[in-house]
Amino acid sequence: MRRAVPALLALGLAACVPGAPPSPHYVLGQPYQAGGVWWYPRAALRVDETGLATVADDDHPALTANGEAFDQTAMAAANQTLPLPCIARVTNLETGRQVLVRINDRGPPTPLRLLAVTRRVATLLGFPSGGVARIRLEVLERESQEAEAAAAPRGAVAATSLPPPPGARGTTGVVAPTVTLAAAPAERQVPLRLPETATQVRPDPGTLWIDLGSFPAYDYANIQRAAVAQLGAQVVSVVDGRTESFQVRIGPIPDIAQADRLLDETLALGVPDGRIVVR
């Protein structure tokens, strides 16, 4: 999540020192600003989201945010808030192809995209020529716990001040101290490089929408809707068991270009909570 501020479990935003050797470690990170919004890294592993994925830039620093070597041929990806590392299943909803990735980096630095994947992942998933695909992101809890345990602290814990990731900006120009956790002994290590295993499921490209938040009462949802009413926002009642909530949405949206434009406009109107989803 973005603007919702829980107990701020973030320990600090990890970044890489140019020329430093790989030193994989567990990272959450301090809240940081990128793409015009604040991001709040969280320890949650029960994540099942949809959105748009892009391809990581070739000019990426040598190391990822948690100190692993960046490699465009690896089964790896970047996300703005998930704990690093974690393991996730990524499905290209347009082709039905799905793979496992190791999320070991922060990014992409924009609310328009949910994930940035390596070129190898994009190839296996069958990304279109434009390099942006509709995806489903499912974090695998057990596998992620094993990956975290391998990078969890075992001994000293060091605190360092590090700069934000590419594209991010801070109010003072310096990110708060980061707690970096030393890697565990060899017997607890899990492979850093995942196998290239692709699975074919039924394609389900769905429709693009912009979600602008879920609220426990209609009045609160309507305040959010009113802020972006000119963009066609609506309030939808969602019932889960005995609990009713009210979601603010814009859509359906015919294509990615228009979804990007509408989300940019919600940001310009002072509503930073929007995200592009696929339904």
C-alpha atoms as a PDB file:
ATOM      1  CA  MET A   1       0.000   0.000   0.000  1.00  0.00           C
ATOM      2  CA  ARG A   2       0.996   3.598  -0.369  1.00  0.00           C
ATOM      3  CA  ARG A   3      -0.524   6.419   1.651  1.00  0.00           C
ATOM      4  CA  ALA A   4      -2.059   4.258   4.355  1.00  0.00           C
ATOM      5  CA  VAL A   5       0.428   4.519   7.214  1.00  0.00           C
ATOM      6  CA  PRO A   6       0.341   1.458   9.469  1.00  0.00           C
ATOM      7  CA  ALA A   7       2.736   1.085  12.359  1.00  0.00           C
ATOM      8  CA  LEU A   8       5.518   1.705   9.856  1.00  0.00           C
ATOM      9  CA  LEU A   9       7.259  -1.599  10.172  1.00  0.00           C
ATOM     10  CA  ALA A  10       9.812  -0.315   7.679  1.00  0.00           C
ATOM     11  CA  LEU A  11      13.385  -0.586   8.908  1.00  0.00           C
ATOM     12  CA  GLY A  12      15.034   1.505   6.224  1.00  0.00           C
ATOM     13  CA  LEU A  13      15.382   1.877   2.482  1.00  0.00           C
ATOM     14  CA  ALA A  14      18.285  -0.146   1.120  1.00  0.00           C
ATOM     15  CA  ALA A  15      20.309   1.043  -1.811  1.00  0.00           C
ATOM     16  CA  CYS A  16      23.592   0.098  -3.342  1.00  0.00           C
ATOM     17  CA  VAL A  17      27.006   1.672  -3.086  1.00  0.00           C
ATOM     18  CA  PRO A  18      28.660   1.943  -6.536  1.00  0.00           C
ATOM     19  CA  GLY A  19      31.501  -0.552  -6.938  1.00  0.00           C
ATOM     20  CA  ALA A  20      30.570  -2.542  -3.836  1.00  0.00           C
ATOM     21  CA  PRO A  21      30.629  -6.368  -4.105  1.00  0.00           C
ATOM     22  CA  PRO A  22      27.342  -8.289  -3.795  1.00  0.00           C
ATOM     23  CA  SER A  23      26.210  -8.687  -0.181  1.00  0.00           C
ATOM     24  CA  PRO A  24      22.674 -10.103  -0.103  1.00  0.00           C
ATOM     25  CA  HIS A  25      20.679  -9.210   2.997  1.00  0.00           C
ATOM     26  CA  TYR A  26      17.088  -8.793   4.182  1.00  0.00           C
ATOM     27  CA  VAL A  27      15.587  -5.329   3.689  1.00  0.00           C
ATOM     28  CA  LEU A  28      12.332  -3.540   4.371  1.00  0.00           C
ATOM     29  CA  GLY A  29      13.298   0.117   4.309  1.00  0.00           C
ATOM     30  CA  GLN A  30      12.124   3.512   5.437  1.00  0.00           C
ATOM     31  CA  PRO A  31       9.190   5.233   3.709  1.00  0.00           C
ATOM     32  CA  TYR A  32      10.394   7.047   0.604  1.00  0.00           C
ATOM     33  CA  GLN A  33       9.039   9.270  -2.141  1.00  0.00           C
ATOM     34  CA  ALA A  34       9.090   8.333  -5.831  1.00  0.00           C
ATOM     35  CA  GLY A  35       6.876   9.183  -8.766  1.00  0.00           C
ATOM     36  CA  GLY A  36       5.076  11.852  -6.793  1.00  0.00           C
ATOM     37  CA  VAL A  37       3.809   9.563  -4.004  1.00  0.00           C
ATOM     38  CA  TRP A  38       5.079   8.162  -0.718  1.00  0.00           C
ATOM     39  CA  TRP A  39       5.738   4.423  -0.480  1.00  0.00           C
ATOM     40  CA  TYR A  40       5.643   2.449   2.773  1.00  0.00           C
ATOM     41  CA  PRO A  41       7.536  -0.871   2.656  1.00  0.00           C
ATOM     42  CA  ARG A  42       5.707  -3.551   4.635  1.00  0.00           C
ATOM     43  CA  ALA A  43       6.434  -7.034   5.916  1.00  0.00           C
ATOM     44  CA  ALA A  44       3.205  -8.528   4.513  1.00  0.00           C
ATOM     45  CA  LEU A  45       3.552 -11.755   2.552  1.00  0.00           C
ATOM     46  CA  ARG A  46      -0.135 -12.469   1.896  1.00  0.00           C
ATOM     47  CA  VAL A  47      -0.268 -10.467  -1.297  1.00  0.00           C
ATOM     48  CA  ASP A  48      -2.358 -11.142  -4.408  1.00  0.00           C
ATOM     49  CA  GLU A  49      -2.566  -8.103  -6.700  1.00  0.00           C
ATOM     50  CA  THR A  50      -3.023  -7.213 -10.326  1.00  0.00           C
ATOM     51  CA  GLY A  51      -1.534  -4.360 -12.277  1.00  0.00           C
ATOM     52  CA  LEU A  52       0.941  -3.506 -15.000  1.00  0.00           C
ATOM     53  CA  ALA A  53       4.538  -4.686 -15.242  1.00  0.00           C
ATOM     54  CA  THR A  54       7.409  -3.145 -17.143  1.00  0.00           C
ATOM     55  CA  VAL A  55      10.968  -4.219 -17.993  1.00  0.00           C
ATOM     56  CA  ALA A  56      13.900  -3.109 -15.843  1.00  0.00           C
ATOM     57  CA  ASP A  57      16.249  -0.550 -17.374  1.00  0.00           C
ATOM     58  CA  ASP A  58      19.566  -1.761 -18.729  1.00  0.00           C
ATOM     59  CA  ASP A  59      21.367   1.098 -16.957  1.00  0.00           C
ATOM     60  CA  HIS A  60      20.405  -0.296 -13.537  1.00  0.00           C
ATOM     61  CA  PRO A  61      23.110  -0.092 -10.837  1.00  0.00           C
ATOM     62  CA  ALA A  62      25.286  -3.171 -10.416  1.00  0.00           C
ATOM     63  CA  LEU A  63      23.487  -4.194  -7.218  1.00  0.00           C
ATOM     64  CA  THR A  64      19.838  -4.497  -6.271  1.00  0.00           C
ATOM     65  CA  ALA A  65      18.355  -2.753  -3.233  1.00  0.00           C
ATOM     66  CA  ASN A  66      19.120  -5.751  -1.002  1.00  0.00           C
ATOM     67  CA  GLY A  67      22.683  -6.138  -2.201  1.00  0.00           C
ATOM     68  CA  GLU A  68      22.320  -8.874  -4.824  1.00  0.00           C
ATOM     69  CA  ALA A  69      23.968  -8.635  -8.239  1.00  0.00           C
ATOM     70  CA  PHE A  70      21.573  -7.177 -10.804  1.00  0.00           C
ATOM     71  CA  ASP A  71      21.262  -9.517 -13.768  1.00  0.00           C
ATOM     72  CA  GLN A  72      18.896  -9.115 -16.720  1.00  0.00           C
ATOM     73  CA  THR A  73      19.063 -12.894 -17.304  1.00  0.00           C
ATOM     74  CA  ALA A  74      17.900 -13.795 -13.773  1.00  0.00           C
ATOM     75  CA  MET A  75      14.358 -14.640 -12.706  1.00  0.00           C
ATOM     76  CA  ALA A  76      14.055 -11.468 -10.660  1.00  0.00           C
ATOM     77  CA  ALA A  77      11.860  -8.417 -10.230  1.00  0.00           C
ATOM     78  CA  ALA A  78      11.417  -5.149  -8.345  1.00  0.00           C
ATOM     79  CA  ASN A  79       8.461  -3.899  -6.283  1.00  0.00           C
ATOM     80  CA  GLN A  80       7.939  -0.704  -4.304  1.00  0.00           C
ATOM     81  CA  THR A  81       6.903  -2.127  -0.900  1.00  0.00           C
ATOM     82  CA  LEU A  82       7.391  -5.900  -0.549  1.00  0.00           C
ATOM     83  CA  PRO A  83      10.083  -7.256   1.787  1.00  0.00           C
ATOM     84  CA  LEU A  84      13.339  -8.109   0.066  1.00  0.00           C
ATOM     85  CA  PRO A  85      13.868 -10.857  -0.796  1.00  0.00           C
ATOM     86  CA  CYS A  86      10.551 -12.615  -1.354  1.00  0.00           C
ATOM     87  CA  ILE A  87       9.347 -15.156  -3.884  1.00  0.00           C
ATOM     88  CA  ALA A  88       6.311 -14.537  -6.081  1.00  0.00           C
ATOM     89  CA  ARG A  89       4.375 -16.076  -8.918  1.00  0.00           C
ATOM     90  CA  VAL A  90       3.872 -13.657 -11.790  1.00  0.00           C
ATOM     91  CA  THR A  91       1.255 -14.383 -14.454  1.00  0.00           C
ATOM     92  CA  ASN A  92       0.957 -12.521 -17.735  1.00  0.00           C
ATOM     93  CA  LEU A  93      -2.835 -12.279 -17.888  1.00  0.00           C
ATOM     94  CA  GLU A  94      -2.730 -11.704 -21.645  1.00  0.00           C
ATOM     95  CA  THR A  95      -0.705 -14.815 -22.569  1.00  0.00           C
ATOM     96  CA  GLY A  96      -1.482 -17.074 -19.593  1.00  0.00           C
ATOM     97  CA  ARG A  97       2.206 -17.724 -18.974  1.00  0.00           C
ATOM     98  CA  GLN A  98       3.432 -17.703 -15.384  1.00  0.00           C
ATOM     99  CA  VAL A  99       6.851 -17.947 -13.728  1.00  0.00           C
ATOM    100  CA  LEU A 100       8.407 -17.665 -10.283  1.00  0.00           C
ATOM    101  CA  VAL A 101      10.546 -14.607  -9.564  1.00  0.00           C
ATOM    102  CA  ARG A 102      12.760 -13.467  -6.730  1.00  0.00           C
ATOM    103  CA  ILE A 103      11.790  -9.926  -5.763  1.00  0.00           C
ATOM    104  CA  ASN A 104      15.058  -8.400  -4.667  1.00  0.00           C
ATOM    105  CA  ASP A 105      14.841  -4.745  -5.656  1.00  0.00           C
ATOM    106  CA  ARG A 106      12.912  -1.512  -5.136  1.00  0.00           C
ATOM    107  CA  GLY A 107      11.013  -0.056  -8.065  1.00  0.00           C
ATOM    108  CA  PRO A 108       9.675   0.831 -10.487  1.00  0.00           C
ATOM    109  CA  PRO A 109       9.748   4.477  -9.320  1.00  0.00           C
ATOM    110  CA  THR A 110       6.229   5.245 -10.531  1.00  0.00           C
ATOM    111  CA  PRO A 111       2.704   4.428  -9.327  1.00  0.00           C
ATOM    112  CA  LEU A 112       1.784   3.548 -12.929  1.00  0.00           C
ATOM    113  CA  ARG A 113       3.510   0.147 -12.656  1.00  0.00           C
ATOM    114  CA  LEU A 114       3.277  -2.623 -10.061  1.00  0.00           C
ATOM    115  CA  LEU A 115       6.414  -4.535 -10.997  1.00  0.00           C
ATOM    116  CA  ALA A 116       9.640  -4.219 -12.992  1.00  0.00           C
ATOM    117  CA  VAL A 117      10.966  -7.543 -14.274  1.00  0.00           C
ATOM    118  CA  THR A 118      14.230  -8.562 -15.891  1.00  0.00           C
ATOM    119  CA  ARG A 119      14.405  -9.026 -19.633  1.00  0.00           C
ATOM    120  CA  ARG A 120      14.547 -12.811 -19.213  1.00  0.00           C
ATOM    121  CA  VAL A 121      11.328 -12.817 -17.185  1.00  0.00           C
ATOM    122  CA  ALA A 122       9.663 -10.585 -19.792  1.00  0.00           C
ATOM    123  CA  THR A 123      10.696 -12.982 -22.558  1.00  0.00           C
ATOM    124  CA  LEU A 124       9.386 -16.068 -20.770  1.00  0.00           C
ATOM    125  CA  LEU A 125       6.099 -14.327 -19.949  1.00  0.00           C
ATOM    126  CA  GLY A 126       5.677 -13.134 -23.530  1.00  0.00           C
ATOM    127  CA  PHE A 127       5.595  -9.392 -22.927  1.00  0.00           C
ATOM    128  CA  PRO A 128       4.350  -7.370 -25.921  1.00  0.00           C
ATOM    129  CA  SER A 129       6.701  -5.248 -28.000  1.00  0.00           C
ATOM    130  CA  GLY A 130       5.778  -2.174 -25.956  1.00  0.00           C
ATOM    131  CA  GLY A 131       7.286  -3.813 -22.873  1.00  0.00           C
ATOM    132  CA  VAL A 132       4.215  -3.418 -20.615  1.00  0.00           C
ATOM    133  CA  ALA A 133       1.955  -6.338 -19.653  1.00  0.00           C
ATOM    134  CA  ARG A 134      -1.132  -6.930 -17.523  1.00  0.00           C
ATOM    135  CA  ILE A 135      -0.021  -9.189 -14.698  1.00  0.00           C
ATOM    136  CA  ARG A 136      -1.091 -10.906 -11.522  1.00  0.00           C
ATOM    137  CA  LEU A 137       1.371 -10.916  -8.622  1.00  0.00           C
ATOM    138  CA  GLU A 138       1.014 -13.624  -5.969  1.00  0.00           C
ATOM    139  CA  VAL A 139       3.566 -13.735  -3.156  1.00  0.00           C
ATOM    140  CA  LEU A 140       4.334 -17.300  -2.054  1.00  0.00           C
ATOM    141  CA  GLU A 141       4.389 -17.181   1.725  1.00  0.00           C
ATOM    142  CA  ARG A 142       6.345 -20.351   2.578  1.00  0.00           C
ATOM    143  CA  GLU A 143       8.981 -19.835  -0.116  1.00  0.00           C
ATOM    144  CA  SER A 144       9.327 -16.186   0.873  1.00  0.00           C
ATOM    145  CA  GLN A 145       9.781 -17.082   4.533  1.00  0.00           C
ATOM    146  CA  GLU A 146      12.574 -19.465   3.557  1.00  0.00           C
ATOM    147  CA  ALA A 147      14.246 -16.780   1.465  1.00  0.00           C
ATOM    148  CA  GLU A 148      13.949 -14.270   4.302  1.00  0.00           C
ATOM    149  CA  ALA A 149      15.283 -16.767   6.841  1.00  0.00           C
ATOM    150  CA  ALA A 150      18.356 -17.269   4.684  1.00  0.00           C
ATOM    151  CA  ALA A 151      19.001 -13.528   4.778  1.00  0.00           C
ATOM    152  CA  ALA A 152      17.813 -12.886   8.349  1.00  0.00           C
ATOM    153  CA  PRO A 153      20.195 -11.473  10.979  1.00  0.00           C
ATOM    154  CA  ARG A 154      22.583 -13.849  12.645  1.00  0.00           C
ATOM    155  CA  GLY A 155      24.972 -11.774  14.682  1.00  0.00           C
ATOM    156  CA  ALA A 156      25.676  -8.103  14.270  1.00  0.00           C
ATOM    157  CA  VAL A 157      23.201  -5.658  12.824  1.00  0.00           C
ATOM    158  CA  ALA A 158      24.643  -2.581  11.163  1.00  0.00           C
ATOM    159  CA  ALA A 159      22.946   0.772  10.638  1.00  0.00           C
ATOM    160  CA  THR A 160      23.920   2.852   7.620  1.00  0.00           C
ATOM    161  CA  SER A 161      22.642   5.939   5.841  1.00  0.00           C
ATOM    162  CA  LEU A 162      21.952   5.280   2.167  1.00  0.00           C
ATOM    163  CA  PRO A 163      20.558   7.318  -0.748  1.00  0.00           C
ATOM    164  CA  PRO A 164      17.124   6.573  -2.243  1.00  0.00           C
ATOM    165  CA  PRO A 165      16.756   4.364  -5.342  1.00  0.00           C
ATOM    166  CA  PRO A 166      16.908   5.850  -8.859  1.00  0.00           C
ATOM    167  CA  GLY A 167      13.949   8.150  -9.440  1.00  0.00           C
ATOM    168  CA  ALA A 168      13.227   8.680  -5.759  1.00  0.00           C
ATOM    169  CA  ARG A 169      13.525  11.936  -3.885  1.00  0.00           C
ATOM    170  CA  GLY A 170      13.487  12.717  -0.186  1.00  0.00           C
ATOM    171  CA  THR A 171      12.435  15.844   1.648  1.00  0.00           C
ATOM    172  CA  THR A 172      15.936  16.358   2.975  1.00  0.00           C
ATOM    173  CA  GLY A 173      17.844  14.562   0.230  1.00  0.00           C
ATOM    174  CA  VAL A 174      18.966  11.850   2.641  1.00  0.00           C
ATOM    175  CA  VAL A 175      17.087   8.698   3.536  1.00  0.00           C
ATOM    176  CA  ALA A 176      16.872   7.820   7.219  1.00  0.00           C
ATOM    177  CA  PRO A 177      19.311   5.201   8.553  1.00  0.00           C
ATOM    178  CA  THR A 178      18.799   1.734   7.168  1.00  0.00           C
ATOM    179  CA  VAL A 179      19.068  -1.437   9.198  1.00  0.00           C
ATOM    180  CA  THR A 180      20.938  -3.975   7.086  1.00  0.00           C
ATOM    181  CA  LEU A 181      20.767  -7.571   8.171  1.00  0.00           C
ATOM    182  CA  ALA A 182      23.738  -9.865   7.746  1.00  0.00           C
ATOM    183  CA  ALA A 183      23.256 -13.031   5.711  1.00  0.00           C
ATOM    184  CA  ALA A 184      22.753 -16.289   7.571  1.00  0.00           C
ATOM    185  CA  PRO A 185      25.325 -19.104   7.621  1.00  0.00           C
ATOM    186  CA  ALA A 186      25.637 -21.320   4.546  1.00  0.00           C
ATOM    187  CA  GLU A 187      23.427 -24.083   5.901  1.00  0.00           C
ATOM    188  CA  ARG A 188      20.425 -21.713   5.883  1.00  0.00           C
ATOM    189  CA  GLN A 189      21.037 -20.296   2.423  1.00  0.00           C
ATOM    190  CA  VAL A 190      18.545 -20.828  -0.396  1.00  0.00           C
ATOM    191  CA  PRO A 191      19.494 -20.399  -4.057  1.00  0.00           C
ATOM    192  CA  LEU A 192      19.610 -16.767  -5.162  1.00  0.00           C
ATOM    193  CA  ARG A 193      18.921 -17.777  -8.762  1.00  0.00           C
ATOM    194  CA  LEU A 194      15.537 -19.366  -9.451  1.00  0.00           C
ATOM    195  CA  PRO A 195      15.098 -21.950 -12.239  1.00  0.00           C
ATOM    196  CA  GLU A 196      13.518 -20.918 -15.529  1.00  0.00           C
ATOM    197  CA  THR A 197      10.231 -22.785 -15.229  1.00  0.00           C
ATOM    198  CA  ALA A 198       7.260 -21.422 -17.143  1.00  0.00           C
ATOM    199  CA  THR A 199       3.686 -22.713 -16.772  1.00  0.00           C
ATOM    200  CA  GLN A 200       0.816 -22.168 -19.191  1.00  0.00           C
ATOM    201  CA  VAL A 201      -2.634 -21.332 -17.790  1.00  0.00           C
ATOM    202  CA  ARG A 202      -5.750 -19.893 -19.399  1.00  0.00           C
ATOM    203  CA  PRO A 203      -5.264 -16.265 -20.506  1.00  0.00           C
ATOM    204  CA  ASP A 204      -7.531 -13.805 -18.708  1.00  0.00           C
ATOM    205  CA  PRO A 205      -6.619 -10.272 -19.859  1.00  0.00           C
ATOM    206  CA  GLY A 206      -9.527  -8.684 -18.011  1.00  0.00           C
ATOM    207  CA  THR A 207     -10.295  -4.971 -18.029  1.00  0.00           C
ATOM    208  CA  LEU A 208      -8.248  -2.048 -16.740  1.00  0.00           C
ATOM    209  CA  TRP A 209      -9.532   0.029 -13.820  1.00  0.00           C
ATOM    210  CA  ILE A 210      -8.085   2.543 -11.399  1.00  0.00           C
ATOM    211  CA  ASP A 211      -8.668   1.746  -7.728  1.00  0.00           C
ATOM    212  CA  LEU A 212      -8.710   4.799  -5.474  1.00  0.00           C
ATOM    213  CA  GLY A 213      -9.108   3.149  -2.085  1.00  0.00           C
ATOM    214  CA  SER A 214     -11.498   1.098   0.031  1.00  0.00           C
ATOM    215  CA  PHE A 215     -13.458   2.675   2.902  1.00  0.00           C
ATOM    216  CA  PRO A 216     -15.583   1.287   5.753  1.00  0.00           C
ATOM    217  CA  ALA A 217     -18.327   3.890   5.250  1.00  0.00           C
ATOM    218  CA  TYR A 218     -19.986   5.283   2.139  1.00  0.00           C
ATOM    219  CA  ASP A 219     -19.539   8.903   3.246  1.00  0.00           C
ATOM    220  CA  TYR A 220     -15.751   8.531   3.364  1.00  0.00           C
ATOM    221  CA  ALA A 221     -15.717   6.852  -0.041  1.00  0.00           C
ATOM    222  CA  ASN A 222     -17.885   9.611  -1.474  1.00  0.00           C
ATOM    223  CA  ILE A 223     -15.421  12.266  -0.312  1.00  0.00           C
ATOM    224  CA  GLN A 224     -12.690  10.477  -2.274  1.00  0.00           C
ATOM    225  CA  ARG A 225     -15.004  10.106  -5.288  1.00  0.00           C
ATOM    226  CA  ALA A 226     -15.876  13.815  -5.231  1.00  0.00           C
ATOM    227  CA  ALA A 227     -12.190  14.737  -5.427  1.00  0.00           C
ATOM    228  CA  VAL A 228     -11.911  13.051  -8.834  1.00  0.00           C
ATOM    229  CA  ALA A 229     -15.563  13.132  -9.958  1.00  0.00           C
ATOM    230  CA  GLN A 230     -14.588  14.825 -13.212  1.00  0.00           C
ATOM    231  CA  LEU A 231     -12.712  11.663 -14.199  1.00  0.00           C
ATOM    232  CA  GLY A 232     -15.779   9.462 -13.854  1.00  0.00           C
ATOM    233  CA  ALA A 233     -15.063   7.972 -10.439  1.00  0.00           C
ATOM    234  CA  GLN A 234     -17.757   5.839  -8.848  1.00  0.00           C
ATOM    235  CA  VAL A 235     -18.408   4.212  -5.468  1.00  0.00           C
ATOM    236  CA  VAL A 236     -18.958   0.445  -5.485  1.00  0.00           C
ATOM    237  CA  SER A 237     -20.264  -1.603  -2.551  1.00  0.00           C
ATOM    238  CA  VAL A 238     -18.225  -4.760  -1.887  1.00  0.00           C
ATOM    239  CA  VAL A 239     -19.496  -7.422   0.506  1.00  0.00           C
ATOM    240  CA  ASP A 240     -17.085  -9.954   2.004  1.00  0.00           C
ATOM    241  CA  GLY A 241     -18.961 -12.282   4.329  1.00  0.00           C
ATOM    242  CA  ARG A 242     -20.710  -9.974   6.785  1.00  0.00           C
ATOM    243  CA  THR A 243     -18.448  -7.019   6.081  1.00  0.00           C
ATOM    244  CA  GLU A 244     -19.346  -4.317   3.590  1.00  0.00           C
ATOM    245  CA  SER A 245     -16.826  -1.837   2.282  1.00  0.00           C
ATOM    246  CA  PHE A 246     -17.015   0.893  -0.323  1.00  0.00           C
ATOM    247  CA  GLN A 247     -14.453   1.088  -3.098  1.00  0.00           C
ATOM    248  CA  VAL A 248     -13.792   4.084  -5.299  1.00  0.00           C
ATOM    249  CA  ARG A 249     -13.022   3.176  -8.906  1.00  0.00           C
ATOM    250  CA  ILE A 250     -12.543   4.683 -12.351  1.00  0.00           C
ATOM    251  CA  GLY A 251     -13.311   2.475 -15.323  1.00  0.00           C
ATOM    252  CA  PRO A 252     -13.537   0.338 -17.246  1.00  0.00           C
ATOM    253  CA  ILE A 253     -10.606   1.752 -19.230  1.00  0.00           C
ATOM    254  CA  PRO A 254      -9.982   0.626 -22.829  1.00  0.00           C
ATOM    255  CA  ASP A 255      -6.184   0.665 -22.971  1.00  0.00           C
ATOM    256  CA  ILE A 256      -2.958   1.180 -21.041  1.00  0.00           C
ATOM    257  CA  ALA A 257      -2.277   4.644 -22.452  1.00  0.00           C
ATOM    258  CA  GLN A 258      -5.598   5.961 -21.165  1.00  0.00           C
ATOM    259  CA  ALA A 259      -5.133   4.230 -17.798  1.00  0.00           C
ATOM    260  CA  ASP A 260      -1.759   5.945 -17.443  1.00  0.00           C
ATOM    261  CA  ARG A 261      -3.290   9.310 -18.350  1.00  0.00           C
ATOM    262  CA  LEU A 262      -6.167   8.956 -15.891  1.00  0.00           C
ATOM    263  CA  LEU A 263      -3.874   7.923 -13.049  1.00  0.00           C
ATOM    264  CA  ASP A 264      -1.608  10.892 -13.762  1.00  0.00           C
ATOM    265  CA  GLU A 265      -4.673  13.127 -13.579  1.00  0.00           C
ATOM    266  CA  THR A 266      -5.747  11.706 -10.209  1.00  0.00           C
ATOM    267  CA  LEU A 267      -2.278  12.499  -8.878  1.00  0.00           C
ATOM    268  CA  ALA A 268      -2.514  16.036 -10.262  1.00  0.00           C
ATOM    269  CA  LEU A 269      -5.847  16.442  -8.445  1.00  0.00           C
ATOM    270  CA  GLY A 270      -4.149  15.638  -5.140  1.00  0.00           C
ATOM    271  CA  VAL A 271      -5.292  12.006  -4.766  1.00  0.00           C
ATOM    272  CA  PRO A 272      -2.142   9.859  -4.366  1.00  0.00           C
ATOM    273  CA  ASP A 273      -3.830   6.530  -3.574  1.00  0.00           C
ATOM    274  CA  GLY A 274      -4.718   5.386  -7.086  1.00  0.00           C
ATOM    275  CA  ARG A 275      -3.340   2.266  -8.713  1.00  0.00           C
ATOM    276  CA  ILE A 276      -4.042   0.532 -11.997  1.00  0.00           C
ATOM    277  CA  VAL A 277      -5.598  -2.917 -11.582  1.00  0.00           C
ATOM    278  CA  VAL A 278      -6.963  -5.627 -13.858  1.00  0.00           C
ATOM    279  CA  ARG A 279     -10.442  -7.091 -13.298  1.00  0.00           C
END
